[in-house]
Amino acid sequence: MEQRRLRLNEFKTVYKTLKTGVPWLDHLLLGLLYFFESWIIDNRVKNEVSEAVDEVVLPPLPDMVSPIYTETPSELVNSLSKTSESLQEMRLTAPWYIDGAGERSEP
């Protein structure tokens, strides 16, 4: 079992000054001081983390740009059957996309 010890010097000095020599009373005092010390440390950590998170500056969100919607008739459908209606190819692209930028050129 883990032996609980006081971590902050302030609580160690309070325990040393209030220690009576009666074992059950000293144990009760140690448990009470340990509880308050843990509570204070937890609150300090939570406050420091909250302040650090609040200080973080996030970059601004990019402007929401609508995609470009284009429709072109499909040559494959038109070449297979002349009697069916041609289906259109629908494409959504980002405004900054350059068509054919990633394609290889034939030598």
Protein backbone atom coordinates (compact mmCIF):
# COMPACT_ATOMS: atom_id res chain seq x y z
CA MET A 1 0.00 0.00 0.00
CA GLU A 2 1.23 3.46 -0.86
CA GLN A 3 2.32 5.55 2.09
CA ARG A 4 0.86 9.02 1.83
CA ARG A 5 3.27 11.85 2.47
CA LEU A 6 2.87 15.59 2.41
CA ARG A 7 4.46 17.23 -0.62
CA LEU A 8 4.30 20.96 0.14
CA ASN A 9 6.64 22.43 2.74
CA GLU A 10 3.85 24.58 4.21
CA PHE A 11 1.82 21.51 5.09
CA LYS A 12 4.89 19.70 6.44
CA THR A 13 5.58 22.54 8.86
CA VAL A 14 1.91 22.69 9.92
CA TYR A 15 1.98 18.95 10.60
CA LYS A 16 5.21 19.18 12.61
CA THR A 17 3.88 22.03 14.74
CA LEU A 18 0.46 20.42 15.38
CA LYS A 19 1.75 16.88 15.95
CA THR A 20 0.71 15.76 19.44
CA GLY A 21 2.40 12.39 19.91
CA VAL A 22 -0.94 10.57 20.09
CA PRO A 23 -0.81 8.14 17.13
CA TRP A 24 -4.49 8.14 16.16
CA LEU A 25 -4.73 11.93 16.44
CA ASP A 26 -1.53 12.41 14.42
CA HIS A 27 -2.85 10.02 11.78
CA LEU A 28 -6.15 11.93 11.61
CA LEU A 29 -4.27 15.23 11.31
CA LEU A 30 -2.03 13.80 8.57
CA GLY A 31 -5.07 12.54 6.62
CA LEU A 32 -6.81 15.91 6.89
CA LEU A 33 -3.71 17.83 5.79
CA TYR A 34 -3.12 15.34 2.95
CA PHE A 35 -6.69 15.86 1.71
CA PHE A 36 -6.38 19.67 1.76
CA GLU A 37 -2.95 19.54 0.14
CA SER A 38 -4.22 17.33 -2.71
CA TRP A 39 -7.22 19.60 -3.20
CA ILE A 40 -5.02 22.73 -3.32
CA ILE A 41 -2.53 21.13 -5.75
CA ASP A 42 -5.37 19.98 -8.04
CA ASN A 43 -6.89 23.47 -8.08
CA ARG A 44 -3.54 25.10 -8.77
CA VAL A 45 -2.87 22.76 -11.68
CA LYS A 46 -6.35 23.25 -13.14
CA ASN A 47 -6.01 27.03 -12.93
CA GLU A 48 -2.55 27.04 -14.51
CA VAL A 49 -3.66 24.78 -17.35
CA SER A 50 -6.79 26.88 -17.94
CA GLU A 51 -4.74 30.08 -18.06
CA ALA A 52 -2.20 28.49 -20.42
CA VAL A 53 -4.95 27.28 -22.74
CA ASP A 54 -6.58 30.72 -22.72
CA GLU A 55 -3.25 32.32 -23.69
CA VAL A 56 -2.86 30.14 -26.78
CA VAL A 57 -3.59 32.14 -29.91
CA LEU A 58 -5.16 30.05 -32.63
CA PRO A 59 -4.63 31.04 -36.25
CA PRO A 60 -7.69 32.53 -37.91
CA LEU A 61 -9.91 30.14 -39.80
CA PRO A 62 -9.62 30.34 -43.58
CA ASP A 63 -12.39 32.02 -45.49
CA MET A 64 -14.99 29.55 -46.58
CA VAL A 65 -14.93 29.51 -50.37
CA SER A 66 -17.65 27.80 -52.34
CA PRO A 67 -16.52 25.05 -54.70
CA ILE A 68 -16.85 25.43 -58.45
CA TYR A 69 -19.57 23.24 -59.93
CA THR A 70 -19.19 22.21 -63.57
CA GLU A 71 -21.15 19.86 -65.83
CA THR A 72 -19.89 18.41 -69.09
CA PRO A 73 -21.56 15.80 -71.30
CA SER A 74 -19.91 12.41 -71.15
CA GLU A 75 -18.32 11.27 -74.41
CA LEU A 76 -18.36 7.62 -73.32
CA VAL A 77 -22.13 7.46 -73.03
CA ASN A 78 -22.61 9.32 -76.31
CA SER A 79 -20.30 6.97 -78.19
CA LEU A 80 -21.87 3.74 -76.83
CA SER A 81 -25.47 4.43 -77.59
CA LYS A 82 -26.82 7.22 -79.70
CA THR A 83 -30.44 6.67 -78.57
CA SER A 84 -29.94 7.18 -74.83
CA GLU A 85 -29.81 10.58 -73.32
CA SER A 86 -26.33 11.69 -72.49
CA LEU A 87 -25.41 11.71 -68.84
CA GLN A 88 -23.51 14.70 -67.67
CA GLU A 89 -20.28 14.56 -65.74
CA MET A 90 -20.68 16.64 -62.60
CA ARG A 91 -17.54 17.94 -60.91
CA LEU A 92 -16.90 19.94 -57.73
CA THR A 93 -13.48 21.54 -57.55
CA ALA A 94 -11.81 23.98 -55.24
CA PRO A 95 -11.34 27.48 -56.66
CA TRP A 96 -7.56 27.22 -56.29
CA TYR A 97 -7.35 23.89 -58.19
CA ILE A 98 -5.59 24.17 -61.56
CA ASP A 99 -6.98 21.61 -64.00
CA GLY A 100 -4.24 19.35 -65.31
CA ALA A 101 -1.54 20.56 -62.91
CA GLY A 102 -0.82 17.08 -61.57
CA GLU A 103 -0.95 15.26 -64.89
CA ARG A 104 2.18 14.11 -66.75
CA SER A 105 2.84 15.45 -70.18
CA GLU A 106 3.62 12.99 -72.96
CA PRO A 107 7.05 13.56 -74.62
